[in-house]
Amino acid sequence: MEETSSVTKYTWEDMPKEQLSDQLSRRLITGNDMMLAHVYLKKAASCPYTTTSTSR
């Protein structure tokens, strides 16, 4: 039995930019097995350090 799959083409400019704070925003593309992110930091922005099991 053949498995069929489909492909969707995205461009970062077409994805909405999510404003997380005054100095931090991101764009996400999510799929069944994967998530891609563009993260935007303004100059002198700081991010908290995380030690969760999913951090790599």
C-alpha atoms as a PDB file:
ATOM      1  CA  MET A   1       0.000   0.000   0.000  1.00  0.00           C
ATOM      2  CA  GLU A   2       1.408   3.407  -0.983  1.00  0.00           C
ATOM      3  CA  GLU A   3       1.462   6.233   1.501  1.00  0.00           C
ATOM      4  CA  THR A   4       0.502   9.637   0.146  1.00  0.00           C
ATOM      5  CA  SER A   5       1.820  12.852   1.551  1.00  0.00           C
ATOM      6  CA  SER A   6       1.436  16.502   0.762  1.00  0.00           C
ATOM      7  CA  VAL A   7       3.772  19.439   0.939  1.00  0.00           C
ATOM      8  CA  THR A   8       2.816  22.984   1.856  1.00  0.00           C
ATOM      9  CA  LYS A   9       5.060  25.898   0.945  1.00  0.00           C
ATOM     10  CA  TYR A  10       5.303  28.755   3.448  1.00  0.00           C
ATOM     11  CA  THR A  11       7.181  32.035   3.349  1.00  0.00           C
ATOM     12  CA  TRP A  12       8.229  33.719   6.577  1.00  0.00           C
ATOM     13  CA  GLU A  13       6.824  37.061   5.463  1.00  0.00           C
ATOM     14  CA  ASP A  14       3.345  35.511   5.129  1.00  0.00           C
ATOM     15  CA  MET A  15       3.381  34.125   8.679  1.00  0.00           C
ATOM     16  CA  PRO A  16       2.015  36.392  11.418  1.00  0.00           C
ATOM     17  CA  LYS A  17       4.583  37.858  13.798  1.00  0.00           C
ATOM     18  CA  GLU A  18       3.682  37.132  17.416  1.00  0.00           C
ATOM     19  CA  GLN A  19       4.787  39.893  19.795  1.00  0.00           C
ATOM     20  CA  LEU A  20       5.948  38.179  23.006  1.00  0.00           C
ATOM     21  CA  SER A  21       7.284  41.294  24.750  1.00  0.00           C
ATOM     22  CA  ASP A  22       8.533  44.773  23.917  1.00  0.00           C
ATOM     23  CA  GLN A  23      11.848  43.323  22.770  1.00  0.00           C
ATOM     24  CA  LEU A  24      10.942  39.805  21.619  1.00  0.00           C
ATOM     25  CA  SER A  25       8.771  38.492  18.765  1.00  0.00           C
ATOM     26  CA  ARG A  26       8.570  35.328  16.672  1.00  0.00           C
ATOM     27  CA  ARG A  27       7.068  33.665  13.620  1.00  0.00           C
ATOM     28  CA  LEU A  28       6.128  29.968  13.764  1.00  0.00           C
ATOM     29  CA  ILE A  29       5.540  27.231  11.211  1.00  0.00           C
ATOM     30  CA  THR A  30       4.226  24.016  12.730  1.00  0.00           C
ATOM     31  CA  GLY A  31       3.686  20.577  11.248  1.00  0.00           C
ATOM     32  CA  ASN A  32       2.851  17.091  12.466  1.00  0.00           C
ATOM     33  CA  ASP A  33       6.397  16.267  13.605  1.00  0.00           C
ATOM     34  CA  MET A  34       8.232  19.574  13.514  1.00  0.00           C
ATOM     35  CA  MET A  35       8.089  23.233  14.511  1.00  0.00           C
ATOM     36  CA  LEU A  36      10.244  25.997  13.014  1.00  0.00           C
ATOM     37  CA  ALA A  37      10.602  29.448  14.503  1.00  0.00           C
ATOM     38  CA  HIS A  38      12.130  32.750  13.516  1.00  0.00           C
ATOM     39  CA  VAL A  39      12.895  34.646  16.694  1.00  0.00           C
ATOM     40  CA  TYR A  40      13.437  38.407  16.619  1.00  0.00           C
ATOM     41  CA  LEU A  41      15.344  40.113  19.441  1.00  0.00           C
ATOM     42  CA  LYS A  42      15.806  43.845  19.685  1.00  0.00           C
ATOM     43  CA  LYS A  43      19.191  45.174  20.724  1.00  0.00           C
ATOM     44  CA  ALA A  44      19.905  44.557  24.438  1.00  0.00           C
ATOM     45  CA  ALA A  45      16.981  42.134  24.763  1.00  0.00           C
ATOM     46  CA  SER A  46      17.352  39.386  27.338  1.00  0.00           C
ATOM     47  CA  CYS A  47      15.871  35.900  27.440  1.00  0.00           C
ATOM     48  CA  PRO A  48      15.435  33.713  30.508  1.00  0.00           C
ATOM     49  CA  TYR A  49      17.533  30.568  30.667  1.00  0.00           C
ATOM     50  CA  THR A  50      15.523  27.323  30.574  1.00  0.00           C
ATOM     51  CA  THR A  51      16.455  23.789  31.589  1.00  0.00           C
ATOM     52  CA  THR A  52      13.372  21.879  30.460  1.00  0.00           C
ATOM     53  CA  SER A  53      13.777  18.408  29.043  1.00  0.00           C
ATOM     54  CA  THR A  54      12.761  19.602  25.546  1.00  0.00           C
ATOM     55  CA  SER A  55      15.446  22.305  25.346  1.00  0.00           C
ATOM     56  CA  ARG A  56      18.335  21.512  23.052  1.00  0.00           C
END
